Amino acid sequence: MMNRINSIFRRNLPAKIVALGVAVVLWVVVMSDQNPAIEGSFTVPVAVVNSPEGYKVTKSEDTVKIKVRGARSLFVSATADDFRAYVDLGGAEAGKQSYKVQTALPQGFELVEVQPETVEFNLDKIIQRQVRADVIVTGNSAPGTTVAKVTQASSIVTIEGPQSAVESVTRVVGYVGLSGNSTDFDLQVPLTALNADGREVHDVKVVPSATEVTVQLARGLTKKIVTIHPVLDGSLPDNLTLSEVRTDPIKLEIAGESKVLAPLSSVDTEKIDLSKVTESEKLTVRLDLPSGVTVTNPEISVSIVVKKKEK
């Protein structure tokens, strides 16, 4: 029986091998025609791996387009969720830099291209800095009263956030509205970080976020309008010359006993260090008030205008 089977198998063996090869070729041709290789694209989010701690990480692109090739049947059930695009930030340093986008594809797919091939990342180190918190009083108290003293629980606060944002903070302020108050009062005042343009810096956290403020009002004090005298200290860098110094406001109202106010026609500012001035700028400085003299707001703006010396 076995000899008969072997005989049948061996009979015309070369022809049978050729026929089998032809059948395989025909099958491949038919399958290629029925299920050809095609290309398709998927838009996928860019993930981040090995993100360094202690940095705020931002990227120029949130998604990339992945172009792939595969059998047409593979695309029937494939979705963007099946594909992955990511950037490895292991060993990345602070600053802006472009990184190559890497991919992970389902079995059977071949990568054609990624658009864009690289994504720019910015790593901004998280830092802390201590700054002075100032309270600004707005509005007017009841007729016949004036602000005698404003005290706050926290005059120094910590700001925390990305280095670029923290370094842009020039002051931290809280606002107290008088609203016709006639007696002393206490309140919690939220604190806000501001940049040189007076705009809020949103990317930083102020700790503590609020301070307890006590406002003391006084009656029977004399009021007087005086000019503001900016006090300059030190010298400008050798390449600069002072063009103008302006205060805003130019004059302000002070309050105190008559004998204290009588000899005053102006009040000084804190010393302004000219050696730190490198260009024209607007500074916020405190007033150096004589004992017994009060003002609603002890801070004013001083504009320092400089010009470069001609060579």
Protein backbone atom coordinates (compact mmCIF):
# COMPACT_ATOMS: atom_id res chain seq x y z
CA MET A 1 0.00 0.00 0.00
CA MET A 2 2.77 2.43 0.97
CA ASN A 3 4.72 1.53 -2.14
CA ARG A 4 1.69 2.37 -4.24
CA ILE A 5 1.26 5.77 -2.55
CA ASN A 6 4.96 6.56 -3.01
CA SER A 7 4.70 5.54 -6.64
CA ILE A 8 1.76 7.85 -7.21
CA PHE A 9 3.58 10.73 -5.42
CA ARG A 10 6.78 10.23 -7.39
CA ARG A 11 5.04 9.90 -10.74
CA ASN A 12 5.60 13.08 -12.83
CA LEU A 13 7.23 14.79 -9.79
CA PRO A 14 8.91 17.61 -11.77
CA ALA A 15 5.61 18.54 -13.39
CA LYS A 16 3.87 18.52 -10.03
CA ILE A 17 6.51 20.84 -8.54
CA VAL A 18 6.13 23.24 -11.45
CA ALA A 19 2.34 23.18 -11.04
CA LEU A 20 2.64 23.92 -7.33
CA GLY A 21 4.95 26.89 -8.02
CA VAL A 22 2.55 28.23 -10.62
CA ALA A 23 -0.33 27.89 -8.13
CA VAL A 24 1.58 29.81 -5.47
CA VAL A 25 2.41 32.59 -7.92
CA LEU A 26 -1.20 32.76 -9.06
CA TRP A 27 -2.36 32.94 -5.42
CA VAL A 28 0.04 35.80 -4.69
CA VAL A 29 -1.09 37.65 -7.82
CA VAL A 30 -4.75 37.19 -6.95
CA MET A 31 -4.26 38.24 -3.33
CA SER A 32 -2.21 41.27 -4.39
CA ASP A 33 -4.98 42.25 -6.72
CA GLN A 34 -7.71 41.70 -4.12
CA ASN A 35 -5.77 43.11 -1.10
CA PRO A 36 -3.13 45.49 -2.48
CA ALA A 37 -0.68 47.55 -0.40
CA ILE A 38 -1.94 51.10 0.01
CA GLU A 39 -0.92 54.20 1.95
CA GLY A 40 -2.92 56.12 4.54
CA SER A 41 -2.41 58.88 7.11
CA PHE A 42 -3.43 59.24 10.75
CA THR A 43 -3.22 62.33 12.98
CA VAL A 44 -2.06 61.35 16.44
CA PRO A 45 -1.11 63.30 19.59
CA VAL A 46 2.55 63.70 20.51
CA ALA A 47 3.25 62.00 23.84
CA VAL A 48 6.25 62.81 26.04
CA VAL A 49 8.33 60.17 27.79
CA ASN A 50 11.06 60.64 30.38
CA SER A 51 9.98 64.22 31.04
CA PRO A 52 12.49 65.78 33.48
CA GLU A 53 11.21 66.76 36.90
CA GLY A 54 11.28 70.37 38.03
CA TYR A 55 10.52 71.86 34.62
CA LYS A 56 7.50 73.24 32.84
CA VAL A 57 7.45 71.50 29.46
CA THR A 58 5.77 73.09 26.43
CA LYS A 59 5.88 71.93 22.82
CA SER A 60 5.37 73.58 19.44
CA GLU A 61 3.08 70.84 18.10
CA ASP A 62 0.39 68.86 19.89
CA THR A 63 -0.17 66.40 17.02
CA VAL A 64 1.70 64.95 14.04
CA LYS A 65 0.53 63.20 10.89
CA ILE A 66 1.81 59.64 10.45
CA LYS A 67 1.81 58.27 6.89
CA VAL A 68 1.95 54.44 6.69
CA ARG A 69 1.78 51.65 4.10
CA GLY A 70 0.05 48.30 4.51
CA ALA A 71 -2.40 45.84 3.05
CA ARG A 72 -5.75 47.39 2.32
CA SER A 73 -7.46 44.98 4.70
CA LEU A 74 -5.40 46.39 7.60
CA PHE A 75 -6.94 49.84 7.13
CA VAL A 76 -10.49 48.56 7.52
CA SER A 77 -10.32 48.39 11.30
CA ALA A 78 -7.32 50.68 11.99
CA THR A 79 -7.89 53.98 13.83
CA ALA A 80 -5.62 56.76 15.03
CA ASP A 81 -5.71 55.24 18.53
CA ASP A 82 -3.72 52.26 17.20
CA PHE A 83 -0.72 54.45 16.37
CA ARG A 84 1.63 56.21 18.75
CA ALA A 85 3.93 59.19 18.31
CA TYR A 86 6.25 60.27 21.10
CA VAL A 87 9.35 62.26 21.98
CA ASP A 88 11.90 61.01 24.49
CA LEU A 89 13.17 63.85 26.69
CA GLY A 90 15.61 61.72 28.64
CA GLY A 91 18.72 63.83 29.24
CA ALA A 92 17.08 67.02 27.92
CA GLU A 93 18.33 70.35 29.30
CA ALA A 94 16.67 73.70 29.94
CA GLY A 95 15.85 75.86 26.94
CA LYS A 96 14.41 75.37 23.47
CA GLN A 97 15.44 72.42 21.34
CA SER A 98 13.96 70.27 18.56
CA TYR A 99 13.55 66.52 19.11
CA LYS A 100 12.88 63.74 16.59
CA VAL A 101 9.40 62.21 16.72
CA GLN A 102 9.43 58.46 17.24
CA THR A 103 6.56 56.10 16.39
CA ALA A 104 5.07 52.75 17.37
CA LEU A 105 2.96 51.05 14.67
CA PRO A 106 0.58 48.07 14.69
CA GLN A 107 1.90 44.85 13.14
CA GLY A 108 1.75 44.82 9.35
CA PHE A 109 2.18 48.57 8.88
CA GLU A 110 5.28 50.22 7.45
CA LEU A 111 6.19 53.83 8.25
CA VAL A 112 6.39 56.12 5.22
CA GLU A 113 6.89 59.51 6.90
CA VAL A 114 6.06 61.69 9.90
CA GLN A 115 5.03 65.32 9.45
CA PRO A 116 6.66 67.20 11.07
CA GLU A 117 9.67 64.99 11.72
CA THR A 118 10.75 67.05 14.74
CA VAL A 119 8.93 69.01 17.43
CA GLU A 120 10.40 71.94 19.35
CA PHE A 121 10.21 71.70 23.12
CA ASN A 122 10.87 74.40 25.70
CA LEU A 123 11.98 73.29 29.15
CA ASP A 124 11.49 76.10 31.66
CA LYS A 125 12.98 75.36 35.08
CA ILE A 126 10.67 75.79 38.09
CA ILE A 127 12.26 78.23 40.55
CA GLN A 128 11.33 80.28 43.61
CA ARG A 129 12.08 83.89 44.47
CA GLN A 130 11.20 86.09 47.41
CA VAL A 131 9.77 89.53 46.69
CA ARG A 132 8.15 92.33 48.64
CA ALA A 133 4.36 92.45 48.68
CA ASP A 134 2.84 95.91 48.66
CA VAL A 135 -0.67 97.00 49.55
CA ILE A 136 -2.30 99.68 47.40
CA VAL A 137 -5.20 101.61 48.87
CA THR A 138 -7.87 102.86 46.48
CA GLY A 139 -10.95 105.01 46.96
CA ASN A 140 -11.72 107.46 49.75
CA SER A 141 -12.61 107.05 53.39
CA ALA A 142 -15.55 108.87 54.96
CA PRO A 143 -15.46 112.70 54.98
CA GLY A 144 -13.33 114.09 57.78
CA THR A 145 -11.14 110.97 57.98
CA THR A 146 -7.88 109.99 56.40
CA VAL A 147 -5.71 106.88 56.33
CA ALA A 148 -3.37 107.02 59.30
CA LYS A 149 -1.65 103.64 58.92
CA VAL A 150 -1.80 100.49 56.80
CA THR A 151 -0.15 97.37 58.16
CA GLN A 152 0.05 93.91 56.64
CA ALA A 153 0.86 90.50 58.08
CA SER A 154 3.17 89.42 55.25
CA SER A 155 5.45 91.94 53.59
CA ILE A 156 7.68 89.29 51.98
CA VAL A 157 6.18 86.52 49.86
CA THR A 158 7.52 83.68 47.70
CA ILE A 159 6.69 83.38 44.03
CA GLU A 160 7.11 80.03 42.32
CA GLY A 161 6.83 78.97 38.69
CA PRO A 162 8.72 78.66 35.41
CA GLN A 163 11.94 80.68 35.47
CA SER A 164 10.91 82.94 32.58
CA ALA A 165 7.65 83.83 34.34
CA VAL A 166 9.22 84.31 37.79
CA GLU A 167 11.91 86.59 36.39
CA SER A 168 9.27 88.73 34.66
CA VAL A 169 7.62 89.58 38.00
CA THR A 170 8.56 93.07 39.15
CA ARG A 171 6.18 93.37 42.08
CA VAL A 172 3.42 91.67 44.07
CA VAL A 173 0.47 93.80 45.10
CA GLY A 174 -2.82 93.63 46.93
CA TYR A 175 -5.61 96.16 46.57
CA VAL A 176 -7.64 97.62 49.45
CA GLY A 177 -10.75 99.63 48.64
CA LEU A 178 -11.78 102.22 51.22
CA SER A 179 -15.39 102.56 49.99
CA GLY A 180 -16.25 105.37 52.40
CA ASN A 181 -15.10 103.54 55.54
CA SER A 182 -15.27 105.63 58.70
CA THR A 183 -13.70 103.23 61.21
CA ASP A 184 -10.65 101.00 61.36
CA PHE A 185 -11.04 97.62 59.65
CA ASP A 186 -9.24 94.35 58.88
CA LEU A 187 -9.50 92.20 55.77
CA GLN A 188 -7.82 89.42 53.81
CA VAL A 189 -6.28 90.88 50.66
CA PRO A 190 -5.49 88.58 47.68
CA LEU A 191 -1.99 89.11 46.26
CA THR A 192 -1.24 89.37 42.54
CA ALA A 193 2.11 89.09 40.72
CA LEU A 194 2.65 91.82 38.11
CA ASN A 195 5.20 92.39 35.35
CA ALA A 196 6.86 95.66 34.35
CA ASP A 197 3.80 96.62 32.28
CA GLY A 198 1.50 96.19 35.27
CA ARG A 199 -0.08 93.04 33.85
CA GLU A 200 -0.75 89.93 35.91
CA VAL A 201 1.72 87.07 35.48
CA HIS A 202 -0.54 84.01 35.42
CA ASP A 203 2.07 81.24 35.40
CA VAL A 204 3.37 81.89 38.92
CA LYS A 205 2.05 80.99 42.35
CA VAL A 206 2.23 83.50 45.19
CA VAL A 207 2.79 82.05 48.67
CA PRO A 208 0.95 83.08 50.74
CA SER A 209 -1.74 83.96 48.22
CA ALA A 210 -3.28 86.60 50.53
CA THR A 211 -2.24 88.77 53.45
CA GLU A 212 -4.09 90.13 56.47
CA VAL A 213 -4.28 93.94 56.28
CA THR A 214 -5.27 96.39 58.99
CA VAL A 215 -6.31 99.91 57.99
CA GLN A 216 -6.34 102.58 60.68
CA LEU A 217 -8.24 105.81 60.03
CA ALA A 218 -7.76 109.12 61.80
CA ARG A 219 -9.83 112.27 62.25
CA GLY A 220 -8.74 115.86 62.68
CA LEU A 221 -5.53 115.58 60.70
CA THR A 222 -4.42 118.39 58.44
CA LYS A 223 -4.00 117.64 54.74
CA LYS A 224 -1.54 119.22 52.37
CA ILE A 225 -0.50 118.88 48.72
CA VAL A 226 3.28 118.53 48.24
CA THR A 227 5.58 117.68 45.34
CA ILE A 228 7.54 114.44 45.09
CA HIS A 229 11.33 114.62 45.03
CA PRO A 230 13.09 111.59 43.52
CA VAL A 231 16.33 110.84 45.35
CA LEU A 232 19.06 109.52 43.05
CA ASP A 233 22.03 107.53 44.31
CA GLY A 234 25.18 106.29 42.60
CA SER A 235 26.22 106.84 39.01
CA LEU A 236 24.99 105.58 35.66
CA PRO A 237 27.19 103.21 33.64
CA ASP A 238 29.90 105.08 31.71
CA ASN A 239 28.11 104.70 28.36
CA LEU A 240 24.88 106.36 29.56
CA THR A 241 23.80 109.87 30.41
CA LEU A 242 20.70 110.90 32.37
CA SER A 243 18.13 112.66 30.20
CA GLU A 244 15.07 112.98 32.43
CA VAL A 245 13.52 111.82 35.70
CA ARG A 246 9.71 111.94 36.05
CA THR A 247 7.46 110.94 38.92
CA ASP A 248 3.87 109.81 38.61
CA PRO A 249 2.11 111.51 40.26
CA ILE A 250 4.10 114.73 40.39
CA LYS A 251 2.28 115.84 43.56
CA LEU A 252 0.29 114.03 46.22
CA GLU A 253 -1.75 114.67 49.32
CA ILE A 254 -0.18 113.98 52.71
CA ALA A 255 -1.82 114.10 56.13
CA GLY A 256 -0.59 114.78 59.66
CA GLU A 257 -0.63 117.29 62.45
CA SER A 258 -0.35 120.94 61.40
CA LYS A 259 3.00 121.48 63.10
CA VAL A 260 4.46 118.48 61.26
CA LEU A 261 3.17 119.47 57.84
CA ALA A 262 3.92 123.20 58.06
CA PRO A 263 7.60 123.07 57.00
CA LEU A 264 7.04 120.48 54.25
CA SER A 265 6.78 121.42 50.59
CA SER A 266 7.95 118.08 49.21
CA VAL A 267 8.57 114.47 50.23
CA ASP A 268 11.49 112.30 49.15
CA THR A 269 11.48 108.88 47.57
CA GLU A 270 13.67 106.01 48.61
CA LYS A 271 17.12 106.15 47.08
CA ILE A 272 17.14 105.07 43.42
CA ASP A 273 20.37 103.26 42.54
CA LEU A 274 21.45 104.58 39.14
CA SER A 275 24.28 102.02 38.86
CA LYS A 276 21.63 99.34 38.17
CA VAL A 277 20.02 101.28 35.32
CA THR A 278 21.01 99.94 31.89
CA GLU A 279 18.22 101.47 29.81
CA SER A 280 15.24 103.79 30.16
CA GLU A 281 12.76 102.22 32.55
CA LYS A 282 9.83 102.82 34.87
CA LEU A 283 10.35 101.94 38.52
CA THR A 284 7.99 101.59 41.46
CA VAL A 285 9.54 103.15 44.56
CA ARG A 286 8.36 103.90 48.06
CA LEU A 287 8.19 107.31 49.65
CA ASP A 288 10.52 108.16 52.50
CA LEU A 289 7.92 109.86 54.70
CA PRO A 290 8.84 111.94 57.76
CA SER A 291 7.58 110.69 61.10
CA GLY A 292 3.94 111.61 61.68
CA VAL A 293 3.15 111.98 57.96
CA THR A 294 0.80 109.57 56.22
CA VAL A 295 -0.37 109.04 52.65
CA THR A 296 -2.99 106.79 51.17
CA ASN A 297 -0.43 105.00 48.98
CA PRO A 298 3.24 105.06 49.98
CA GLU A 299 4.42 104.06 46.46
CA ILE A 300 4.80 106.08 43.27
CA SER A 301 6.21 105.48 39.78
CA VAL A 302 9.49 107.01 38.67
CA SER A 303 10.52 107.05 35.00
CA ILE A 304 14.26 107.15 34.39
CA VAL A 305 15.10 108.25 30.85
CA VAL A 306 18.69 107.70 29.71
CA LYS A 307 20.59 108.15 26.48
CA LYS A 308 23.76 106.58 25.18
CA LYS A 309 26.76 108.86 25.15
CA GLU A 310 28.09 109.84 21.76
CA LYS A 311 31.51 108.40 21.03
